[in-house]
Amino acid sequence: MDASTSTVTFTVTDVERVEGAGRLIALAIIELELDGVALVVQGVRVVRQNNRIATEAPRFRDPRTGQWVPALILPDELGRAIAREVHRILMKRSAAV
């Protein structure tokens, strides 16, 4: 199958607020389905950036450089769609409180 025609869907399965962790506002769990194969991505971060919030992929510390780097790199369109949905869920839950 040609990778450029793969079907990808996602579901935000959980968004949990985090208090007292600096810029970190929440952590999310996402299920990505790639042509029928489900992958669970844990540790999607929602962080404060100046006057807005941003969604970041899970990170790990590179043992060679000591720098934090993304553990998952998604196409921009998919990353933006996931961020919109995570933010929507987070705002909906905040409004309900």
PDB file of N, CA and C in Angstrom:
ATOM      1  N   MET A   1       0.847  -1.186   0.000  1.00  0.00           N
ATOM      2  CA  MET A   1       0.000   0.000   0.000  1.00  0.00           C
ATOM      3  C   MET A   1       0.883   1.236   0.000  1.00  0.00           C
ATOM      4  N   ASP A   2       0.531   2.227  -0.776  1.00  0.00           N
ATOM      5  CA  ASP A   2       1.263   3.478  -0.865  1.00  0.00           C
ATOM      6  C   ASP A   2       1.024   4.279   0.416  1.00  0.00           C
ATOM      7  N   ALA A   3       2.104   4.632   1.117  1.00  0.00           N
ATOM      8  CA  ALA A   3       1.990   5.343   2.394  1.00  0.00           C
ATOM      9  C   ALA A   3       1.290   6.688   2.245  1.00  0.00           C
ATOM     10  N   SER A   4       1.348   7.314   1.077  1.00  0.00           N
ATOM     11  CA  SER A   4       0.721   8.621   0.897  1.00  0.00           C
ATOM     12  C   SER A   4      -0.801   8.533   0.847  1.00  0.00           C
ATOM     13  N   THR A   5      -1.358   7.345   0.742  1.00  0.00           N
ATOM     14  CA  THR A   5      -2.809   7.190   0.702  1.00  0.00           C
ATOM     15  C   THR A   5      -3.348   6.473   1.938  1.00  0.00           C
ATOM     16  N   SER A   6      -2.568   6.369   2.969  1.00  0.00           N
ATOM     17  CA  SER A   6      -3.011   5.693   4.191  1.00  0.00           C
ATOM     18  C   SER A   6      -4.103   6.488   4.890  1.00  0.00           C
ATOM     19  N   THR A   7      -5.025   5.769   5.496  1.00  0.00           N
ATOM     20  CA  THR A   7      -6.077   6.393   6.281  1.00  0.00           C
ATOM     21  C   THR A   7      -5.626   6.474   7.731  1.00  0.00           C
ATOM     22  N   VAL A   8      -5.711   7.677   8.297  1.00  0.00           N
ATOM     23  CA  VAL A   8      -5.321   7.902   9.685  1.00  0.00           C
ATOM     24  C   VAL A   8      -6.494   8.552  10.403  1.00  0.00           C
ATOM     25  N   THR A   9      -6.889   7.978  11.526  1.00  0.00           N
ATOM     26  CA  THR A   9      -7.893   8.604  12.384  1.00  0.00           C
ATOM     27  C   THR A   9      -7.313   8.670  13.788  1.00  0.00           C
ATOM     28  N   PHE A  10      -7.867   9.552  14.598  1.00  0.00           N
ATOM     29  CA  PHE A  10      -7.397   9.636  15.981  1.00  0.00           C
ATOM     30  C   PHE A  10      -8.570   9.856  16.907  1.00  0.00           C
ATOM     31  N   THR A  11      -8.378   9.441  18.145  1.00  0.00           N
ATOM     32  CA  THR A  11      -9.341   9.659  19.212  1.00  0.00           C
ATOM     33  C   THR A  11      -8.573  10.121  20.436  1.00  0.00           C
ATOM     34  N   VAL A  12      -9.038  11.185  21.052  1.00  0.00           N
ATOM     35  CA  VAL A  12      -8.463  11.624  22.319  1.00  0.00           C
ATOM     36  C   VAL A  12      -9.171  10.803  23.393  1.00  0.00           C
ATOM     37  N   THR A  13      -8.448   9.884  24.022  1.00  0.00           N
ATOM     38  CA  THR A  13      -9.091   8.993  24.984  1.00  0.00           C
ATOM     39  C   THR A  13      -9.078   9.542  26.407  1.00  0.00           C
ATOM     40  N   ASP A  14      -8.158  10.491  26.695  1.00  0.00           N
ATOM     41  CA  ASP A  14      -8.127  11.071  28.032  1.00  0.00           C
ATOM     42  C   ASP A  14      -7.368  12.387  28.003  1.00  0.00           C
ATOM     43  N   VAL A  15      -7.846  13.354  28.770  1.00  0.00           N
ATOM     44  CA  VAL A  15      -7.134  14.602  29.019  1.00  0.00           C
ATOM     45  C   VAL A  15      -7.216  14.843  30.513  1.00  0.00           C
ATOM     46  N   GLU A  16      -6.065  14.891  31.164  1.00  0.00           N
ATOM     47  CA  GLU A  16      -6.033  15.067  32.616  1.00  0.00           C
ATOM     48  C   GLU A  16      -5.301  16.347  32.963  1.00  0.00           C
ATOM     49  N   ARG A  17      -5.995  17.229  33.682  1.00  0.00           N
ATOM     50  CA  ARG A  17      -5.355  18.474  34.141  1.00  0.00           C
ATOM     51  C   ARG A  17      -4.229  18.155  35.118  1.00  0.00           C
ATOM     52  N   VAL A  18      -3.196  18.990  35.081  1.00  0.00           N
ATOM     53  CA  VAL A  18      -2.053  18.845  35.984  1.00  0.00           C
ATOM     54  C   VAL A  18      -1.868  20.180  36.691  1.00  0.00           C
ATOM     55  N   GLU A  19      -1.814  20.156  38.004  1.00  0.00           N
ATOM     56  CA  GLU A  19      -1.638  21.374  38.798  1.00  0.00           C
ATOM     57  C   GLU A  19      -0.224  21.415  39.376  1.00  0.00           C
ATOM     58  N   GLY A  20       0.337  22.612  39.457  1.00  0.00           N
ATOM     59  CA  GLY A  20       1.620  22.807  40.130  1.00  0.00           C
ATOM     60  C   GLY A  20       2.815  22.223  39.415  1.00  0.00           C
ATOM     61  N   ALA A  21       2.777  22.161  38.084  1.00  0.00           N
ATOM     62  CA  ALA A  21       3.896  21.586  37.326  1.00  0.00           C
ATOM     63  C   ALA A  21       4.455  22.599  36.332  1.00  0.00           C
ATOM     64  N   GLY A  22       4.608  23.841  36.764  1.00  0.00           N
ATOM     65  CA  GLY A  22       5.174  24.869  35.894  1.00  0.00           C
ATOM     66  C   GLY A  22       4.272  25.167  34.714  1.00  0.00           C
ATOM     67  N   ARG A  23       4.842  25.122  33.512  1.00  0.00           N
ATOM     68  CA  ARG A  23       4.089  25.430  32.291  1.00  0.00           C
ATOM     69  C   ARG A  23       3.092  24.341  31.914  1.00  0.00           C
ATOM     70  N   LEU A  24       3.270  23.145  32.450  1.00  0.00           N
ATOM     71  CA  LEU A  24       2.414  22.013  32.094  1.00  0.00           C
ATOM     72  C   LEU A  24       1.010  22.202  32.652  1.00  0.00           C
ATOM     73  N   ILE A  25       0.009  22.159  31.767  1.00  0.00           N
ATOM     74  CA  ILE A  25      -1.389  22.338  32.154  1.00  0.00           C
ATOM     75  C   ILE A  25      -2.109  20.996  32.226  1.00  0.00           C
ATOM     76  N   ALA A  26      -1.821  20.119  31.252  1.00  0.00           N
ATOM     77  CA  ALA A  26      -2.544  18.844  31.170  1.00  0.00           C
ATOM     78  C   ALA A  26      -1.715  17.832  30.387  1.00  0.00           C
ATOM     79  N   LEU A  27      -2.092  16.568  30.560  1.00  0.00           N
ATOM     80  CA  LEU A  27      -1.524  15.462  29.787  1.00  0.00           C
ATOM     81  C   LEU A  27      -2.669  14.740  29.098  1.00  0.00           C
ATOM     82  N   ALA A  28      -2.420  14.320  27.865  1.00  0.00           N
ATOM     83  CA  ALA A  28      -3.468  13.639  27.099  1.00  0.00           C
ATOM     84  C   ALA A  28      -2.972  12.294  26.604  1.00  0.00           C
ATOM     85  N   ILE A  29      -3.932  11.428  26.346  1.00  0.00           N
ATOM     86  CA  ILE A  29      -3.664  10.134  25.713  1.00  0.00           C
ATOM     87  C   ILE A  29      -4.449  10.123  24.409  1.00  0.00           C
ATOM     88  N   ILE A  30      -3.776   9.759  23.340  1.00  0.00           N
ATOM     89  CA  ILE A  30      -4.354   9.760  21.999  1.00  0.00           C
ATOM     90  C   ILE A  30      -4.254   8.357  21.424  1.00  0.00           C
ATOM     91  N   GLU A  31      -5.301   7.916  20.756  1.00  0.00           N
ATOM     92  CA  GLU A  31      -5.216   6.669  19.999  1.00  0.00           C
ATOM     93  C   GLU A  31      -5.187   7.039  18.517  1.00  0.00           C
ATOM     94  N   LEU A  32      -4.114   6.646  17.843  1.00  0.00           N
ATOM     95  CA  LEU A  32      -3.985   6.841  16.402  1.00  0.00           C
ATOM     96  C   LEU A  32      -4.277   5.524  15.722  1.00  0.00           C
ATOM     97  N   GLU A  33      -5.107   5.557  14.691  1.00  0.00           N
ATOM     98  CA  GLU A  33      -5.372   4.347  13.923  1.00  0.00           C
ATOM     99  C   GLU A  33      -4.854   4.561  12.506  1.00  0.00           C
ATOM    100  N   LEU A  34      -3.898   3.725  12.121  1.00  0.00           N
ATOM    101  CA  LEU A  34      -3.260   3.807  10.814  1.00  0.00           C
ATOM    102  C   LEU A  34      -3.651   2.575  10.022  1.00  0.00           C
ATOM    103  N   ASP A  35      -4.553   2.743   9.072  1.00  0.00           N
ATOM    104  CA  ASP A  35      -5.030   1.624   8.254  1.00  0.00           C
ATOM    105  C   ASP A  35      -5.409   0.410   9.093  1.00  0.00           C
ATOM    106  N   GLY A  36      -6.162   0.653  10.170  1.00  0.00           N
ATOM    107  CA  GLY A  36      -6.668  -0.426  10.999  1.00  0.00           C
ATOM    108  C   GLY A  36      -5.757  -0.850  12.131  1.00  0.00           C
ATOM    109  N   VAL A  37      -4.566  -0.288  12.223  1.00  0.00           N
ATOM    110  CA  VAL A  37      -3.640  -0.622  13.310  1.00  0.00           C
ATOM    111  C   VAL A  37      -3.683   0.519  14.328  1.00  0.00           C
ATOM    112  N   ALA A  38      -4.050   0.207  15.564  1.00  0.00           N
ATOM    113  CA  ALA A  38      -4.189   1.223  16.604  1.00  0.00           C
ATOM    114  C   ALA A  38      -2.887   1.364  17.387  1.00  0.00           C
ATOM    115  N   LEU A  39      -2.478   2.617  17.581  1.00  0.00           N
ATOM    116  CA  LEU A  39      -1.315   2.947  18.398  1.00  0.00           C
ATOM    117  C   LEU A  39      -1.780   3.904  19.484  1.00  0.00           C
ATOM    118  N   VAL A  40      -1.350   3.680  20.716  1.00  0.00           N
ATOM    119  CA  VAL A  40      -1.701   4.562  21.817  1.00  0.00           C
ATOM    120  C   VAL A  40      -0.498   5.445  22.120  1.00  0.00           C
ATOM    121  N   VAL A  41      -0.730   6.756  22.136  1.00  0.00           N
ATOM    122  CA  VAL A  41       0.323   7.727  22.422  1.00  0.00           C
ATOM    123  C   VAL A  41      -0.010   8.369  23.761  1.00  0.00           C
ATOM    124  N   GLN A  42       0.829   8.143  24.750  1.00  0.00           N
ATOM    125  CA  GLN A  42       0.636   8.689  26.090  1.00  0.00           C
ATOM    126  C   GLN A  42       1.596   9.849  26.308  1.00  0.00           C
ATOM    127  N   GLY A  43       1.217  10.764  27.169  1.00  0.00           N
ATOM    128  CA  GLY A  43       2.124  11.853  27.519  1.00  0.00           C
ATOM    129  C   GLY A  43       2.104  13.022  26.562  1.00  0.00           C
ATOM    130  N   VAL A  44       1.011  13.192  25.801  1.00  0.00           N
ATOM    131  CA  VAL A  44       0.873  14.384  24.971  1.00  0.00           C
ATOM    132  C   VAL A  44       0.690  15.554  25.935  1.00  0.00           C
ATOM    133  N   ARG A  45       1.532  16.564  25.797  1.00  0.00           N
ATOM    134  CA  ARG A  45       1.597  17.646  26.772  1.00  0.00           C
ATOM    135  C   ARG A  45       0.829  18.873  26.301  1.00  0.00           C
ATOM    136  N   VAL A  46       0.074  19.480  27.203  1.00  0.00           N
ATOM    137  CA  VAL A  46      -0.555  20.777  26.953  1.00  0.00           C
ATOM    138  C   VAL A  46       0.176  21.748  27.877  1.00  0.00           C
ATOM    139  N   VAL A  47       0.826  22.760  27.272  1.00  0.00           N
ATOM    140  CA  VAL A  47       1.662  23.682  28.035  1.00  0.00           C
ATOM    141  C   VAL A  47       1.281  25.131  27.755  1.00  0.00           C
ATOM    142  N   ARG A  48       1.604  26.004  28.725  1.00  0.00           N
ATOM    143  CA  ARG A  48       1.437  27.446  28.532  1.00  0.00           C
ATOM    144  C   ARG A  48       2.616  27.964  27.723  1.00  0.00           C
ATOM    145  N   GLN A  49       2.318  28.758  26.704  1.00  0.00           N
ATOM    146  CA  GLN A  49       3.347  29.457  25.936  1.00  0.00           C
ATOM    147  C   GLN A  49       2.907  30.899  25.815  1.00  0.00           C
ATOM    148  N   ASN A  50       3.522  31.768  26.595  1.00  0.00           N
ATOM    149  CA  ASN A  50       3.135  33.185  26.639  1.00  0.00           C
ATOM    150  C   ASN A  50       1.655  33.296  26.966  1.00  0.00           C
ATOM    151  N   ASN A  51       0.845  33.865  26.085  1.00  0.00           N
ATOM    152  CA  ASN A  51      -0.582  34.072  26.360  1.00  0.00           C
ATOM    153  C   ASN A  51      -1.474  33.025  25.711  1.00  0.00           C
ATOM    154  N   ARG A  52      -0.947  31.875  25.375  1.00  0.00           N
ATOM    155  CA  ARG A  52      -1.750  30.838  24.728  1.00  0.00           C
ATOM    156  C   ARG A  52      -1.317  29.471  25.246  1.00  0.00           C
ATOM    157  N   ILE A  53      -2.041  28.452  24.808  1.00  0.00           N
ATOM    158  CA  ILE A  53      -1.629  27.097  25.146  1.00  0.00           C
ATOM    159  C   ILE A  53      -1.193  26.387  23.875  1.00  0.00           C
ATOM    160  N   ALA A  54      -0.286  25.451  24.049  1.00  0.00           N
ATOM    161  CA  ALA A  54       0.227  24.672  22.915  1.00  0.00           C
ATOM    162  C   ALA A  54       0.203  23.202  23.297  1.00  0.00           C
ATOM    163  N   THR A  55       0.072  22.363  22.298  1.00  0.00           N
ATOM    164  CA  THR A  55       0.106  20.920  22.501  1.00  0.00           C
ATOM    165  C   THR A  55       1.414  20.404  21.929  1.00  0.00           C
ATOM    166  N   GLU A  56       2.112  19.577  22.714  1.00  0.00           N
ATOM    167  CA  GLU A  56       3.407  19.053  22.308  1.00  0.00           C
ATOM    168  C   GLU A  56       3.405  17.538  22.373  1.00  0.00           C
ATOM    169  N   ALA A  57       4.162  16.932  21.487  1.00  0.00           N
ATOM    170  CA  ALA A  57       4.332  15.475  21.505  1.00  0.00           C
ATOM    171  C   ALA A  57       5.060  15.059  22.783  1.00  0.00           C
ATOM    172  N   PRO A  58       4.899  13.803  23.192  1.00  0.00           N
ATOM    173  CA  PRO A  58       5.691  13.305  24.307  1.00  0.00           C
ATOM    174  C   PRO A  58       7.173  13.503  23.991  1.00  0.00           C
ATOM    175  N   ARG A  59       7.997  13.636  25.030  1.00  0.00           N
ATOM    176  CA  ARG A  59       9.425  13.879  24.821  1.00  0.00           C
ATOM    177  C   ARG A  59      10.262  12.865  25.578  1.00  0.00           C
ATOM    178  N   PHE A  60      11.509  12.750  25.142  1.00  0.00           N
ATOM    179  CA  PHE A  60      12.492  11.952  25.868  1.00  0.00           C
ATOM    180  C   PHE A  60      13.815  12.702  25.843  1.00  0.00           C
ATOM    181  N   ARG A  61      14.681  12.376  26.783  1.00  0.00           N
ATOM    182  CA  ARG A  61      15.983  13.028  26.852  1.00  0.00           C
ATOM    183  C   ARG A  61      16.977  12.247  26.008  1.00  0.00           C
ATOM    184  N   ASP A  62      17.530  12.901  24.997  1.00  0.00           N
ATOM    185  CA  ASP A  62      18.520  12.281  24.117  1.00  0.00           C
ATOM    186  C   ASP A  62      19.774  11.989  24.938  1.00  0.00           C
ATOM    187  N   PRO A  63      20.188  10.718  25.034  1.00  0.00           N
ATOM    188  CA  PRO A  63      21.340  10.376  25.872  1.00  0.00           C
ATOM    189  C   PRO A  63      22.667  10.951  25.363  1.00  0.00           C
ATOM    190  N   ARG A  64      22.729  11.301  24.080  1.00  0.00           N
ATOM    191  CA  ARG A  64      23.978  11.864  23.535  1.00  0.00           C
ATOM    192  C   ARG A  64      24.131  13.333  23.864  1.00  0.00           C
ATOM    193  N   THR A  65      22.992  14.077  23.823  1.00  0.00           N
ATOM    194  CA  THR A  65      23.073  15.529  23.997  1.00  0.00           C
ATOM    195  C   THR A  65      22.473  16.013  25.312  1.00  0.00           C
ATOM    196  N   GLY A  66      21.630  15.192  25.936  1.00  0.00           N
ATOM    197  CA  GLY A  66      20.947  15.607  27.159  1.00  0.00           C
ATOM    198  C   GLY A  66      19.751  16.508  26.902  1.00  0.00           C
ATOM    199  N   GLN A  67      19.453  16.783  25.625  1.00  0.00           N
ATOM    200  CA  GLN A  67      18.330  17.656  25.296  1.00  0.00           C
ATOM    201  C   GLN A  67      17.032  16.856  25.192  1.00  0.00           C
ATOM    202  N   TRP A  68      15.920  17.539  25.530  1.00  0.00           N
ATOM    203  CA  TRP A  68      14.605  16.929  25.368  1.00  0.00           C
ATOM    204  C   TRP A  68      14.198  17.043  23.908  1.00  0.00           C
ATOM    205  N   VAL A  69      13.764  15.924  23.316  1.00  0.00           N
ATOM    206  CA  VAL A  69      13.349  15.902  21.917  1.00  0.00           C
ATOM    207  C   VAL A  69      12.002  15.178  21.798  1.00  0.00           C
ATOM    208  N   PRO A  70      11.221  15.498  20.755  1.00  0.00           N
ATOM    209  CA  PRO A  70       9.920  14.834  20.592  1.00  0.00           C
ATOM    210  C   PRO A  70      10.091  13.331  20.374  1.00  0.00           C
ATOM    211  N   ALA A  71       9.233  12.560  21.028  1.00  0.00           N
ATOM    212  CA  ALA A  71       9.249  11.105  20.850  1.00  0.00           C
ATOM    213  C   ALA A  71       8.437  10.685  19.635  1.00  0.00           C
ATOM    214  N   LEU A  72       7.655  11.600  19.101  1.00  0.00           N
ATOM    215  CA  LEU A  72       6.778  11.312  17.966  1.00  0.00           C
ATOM    216  C   LEU A  72       6.705  12.556  17.095  1.00  0.00           C
ATOM    217  N   ILE A  73       6.932  12.388  15.807  1.00  0.00           N
ATOM    218  CA  ILE A  73       6.837  13.511  14.878  1.00  0.00           C
ATOM    219  C   ILE A  73       5.721  13.194  13.895  1.00  0.00           C
ATOM    220  N   LEU A  74       4.699  14.029  13.919  1.00  0.00           N
ATOM    221  CA  LEU A  74       3.513  13.830  13.068  1.00  0.00           C
ATOM    222  C   LEU A  74       3.504  14.848  11.933  1.00  0.00           C
ATOM    223  N   PRO A  75       2.812  14.531  10.851  1.00  0.00           N
ATOM    224  CA  PRO A  75       2.603  15.549   9.817  1.00  0.00           C
ATOM    225  C   PRO A  75       1.877  16.746  10.437  1.00  0.00           C
ATOM    226  N   ASP A  76       2.207  17.952   9.967  1.00  0.00           N
ATOM    227  CA  ASP A  76       1.643  19.171  10.546  1.00  0.00           C
ATOM    228  C   ASP A  76       0.119  19.154  10.613  1.00  0.00           C
ATOM    229  N   GLU A  77      -0.528  18.744   9.547  1.00  0.00           N
ATOM    230  CA  GLU A  77      -1.995  18.748   9.504  1.00  0.00           C
ATOM    231  C   GLU A  77      -2.586  17.860  10.595  1.00  0.00           C
ATOM    232  N   LEU A  78      -2.020  16.683  10.791  1.00  0.00           N
ATOM    233  CA  LEU A  78      -2.509  15.770  11.828  1.00  0.00           C
ATOM    234  C   LEU A  78      -2.212  16.327  13.216  1.00  0.00           C
ATOM    235  N   GLY A  79      -1.023  16.868  13.412  1.00  0.00           N
ATOM    236  CA  GLY A  79      -0.671  17.461  14.706  1.00  0.00           C
ATOM    237  C   GLY A  79      -1.596  18.602  15.081  1.00  0.00           C
ATOM    238  N   ARG A  80      -1.924  19.460  14.102  1.00  0.00           N
ATOM    239  CA  ARG A  80      -2.838  20.577  14.375  1.00  0.00           C
ATOM    240  C   ARG A  80      -4.244  20.078  14.706  1.00  0.00           C
ATOM    241  N   ALA A  81      -4.713  19.061  13.997  1.00  0.00           N
ATOM    242  CA  ALA A  81      -6.052  18.509  14.267  1.00  0.00           C
ATOM    243  C   ALA A  81      -6.116  17.915  15.673  1.00  0.00           C
ATOM    244  N   ILE A  82      -5.080  17.198  16.076  1.00  0.00           N
ATOM    245  CA  ILE A  82      -5.034  16.620  17.422  1.00  0.00           C
ATOM    246  C   ILE A  82      -5.015  17.737  18.455  1.00  0.00           C
ATOM    247  N   ALA A  83      -4.206  18.762  18.237  1.00  0.00           N
ATOM    248  CA  ALA A  83      -4.126  19.883  19.184  1.00  0.00           C
ATOM    249  C   ALA A  83      -5.483  20.559  19.340  1.00  0.00           C
ATOM    250  N   ARG A  84      -6.180  20.797  18.225  1.00  0.00           N
ATOM    251  CA  ARG A  84      -7.514  21.419  18.304  1.00  0.00           C
ATOM    252  C   ARG A  84      -8.470  20.592  19.148  1.00  0.00           C
ATOM    253  N   GLU A  85      -8.454  19.277  18.953  1.00  0.00           N
ATOM    254  CA  GLU A  85      -9.373  18.414  19.696  1.00  0.00           C
ATOM    255  C   GLU A  85      -9.007  18.352  21.183  1.00  0.00           C
ATOM    256  N   VAL A  86      -7.724  18.253  21.486  1.00  0.00           N
ATOM    257  CA  VAL A  86      -7.287  18.245  22.892  1.00  0.00           C
ATOM    258  C   VAL A  86      -7.700  19.556  23.559  1.00  0.00           C
ATOM    259  N   HIS A  87      -7.468  20.686  22.897  1.00  0.00           N
ATOM    260  CA  HIS A  87      -7.831  21.990  23.462  1.00  0.00           C
ATOM    261  C   HIS A  87      -9.341  22.105  23.643  1.00  0.00           C
ATOM    262  N   ARG A  88     -10.108  21.610  22.666  1.00  0.00           N
ATOM    263  CA  ARG A  88     -11.571  21.657  22.765  1.00  0.00           C
ATOM    264  C   ARG A  88     -12.054  20.894  23.996  1.00  0.00           C
ATOM    265  N   ILE A  89     -11.512  19.699  24.193  1.00  0.00           N
ATOM    266  CA  ILE A  89     -11.907  18.872  25.345  1.00  0.00           C
ATOM    267  C   ILE A  89     -11.495  19.563  26.642  1.00  0.00           C
ATOM    268  N   LEU A  90     -10.297  20.105  26.684  1.00  0.00           N
ATOM    269  CA  LEU A  90      -9.802  20.774  27.887  1.00  0.00           C
ATOM    270  C   LEU A  90     -10.661  21.980  28.236  1.00  0.00           C
ATOM    271  N   MET A  91     -11.012  22.774  27.240  1.00  0.00           N
ATOM    272  CA  MET A  91     -11.856  23.954  27.477  1.00  0.00           C
ATOM    273  C   MET A  91     -13.261  23.570  27.898  1.00  0.00           C
ATOM    274  N   LYS A  92     -13.799  22.527  27.276  1.00  0.00           N
ATOM    275  CA  LYS A  92     -15.140  22.043  27.634  1.00  0.00           C
ATOM    276  C   LYS A  92     -15.169  21.588  29.093  1.00  0.00           C
ATOM    277  N   ARG A  93     -14.128  20.867  29.509  1.00  0.00           N
ATOM    278  CA  ARG A  93     -14.069  20.407  30.906  1.00  0.00           C
ATOM    279  C   ARG A  93     -13.863  21.558  31.863  1.00  0.00           C
ATOM    280  N   SER A  94     -13.074  22.558  31.466  1.00  0.00           N
ATOM    281  CA  SER A  94     -12.845  23.727  32.319  1.00  0.00           C
ATOM    282  C   SER A  94     -14.128  24.525  32.507  1.00  0.00           C
ATOM    283  N   ALA A  95     -14.929  24.625  31.442  1.00  0.00           N
ATOM    284  CA  ALA A  95     -16.185  25.364  31.513  1.00  0.00           C
ATOM    285  C   ALA A  95     -17.200  24.650  32.392  1.00  0.00           C
ATOM    286  N   ALA A  96     -17.084  23.333  32.487  1.00  0.00           N
ATOM    287  CA  ALA A  96     -18.027  22.560  33.284  1.00  0.00           C
ATOM    288  C   ALA A  96     -17.743  22.632  34.775  1.00  0.00           C
ATOM    289  N   VAL A  97     -16.566  23.137  35.130  1.00  0.00           N
ATOM    290  CA  VAL A  97     -16.179  23.187  36.555  1.00  0.00           C
ATOM    291  C   VAL A  97     -16.757  24.391  37.221  1.00  0.00           C
TER     292      VAL A  97
END
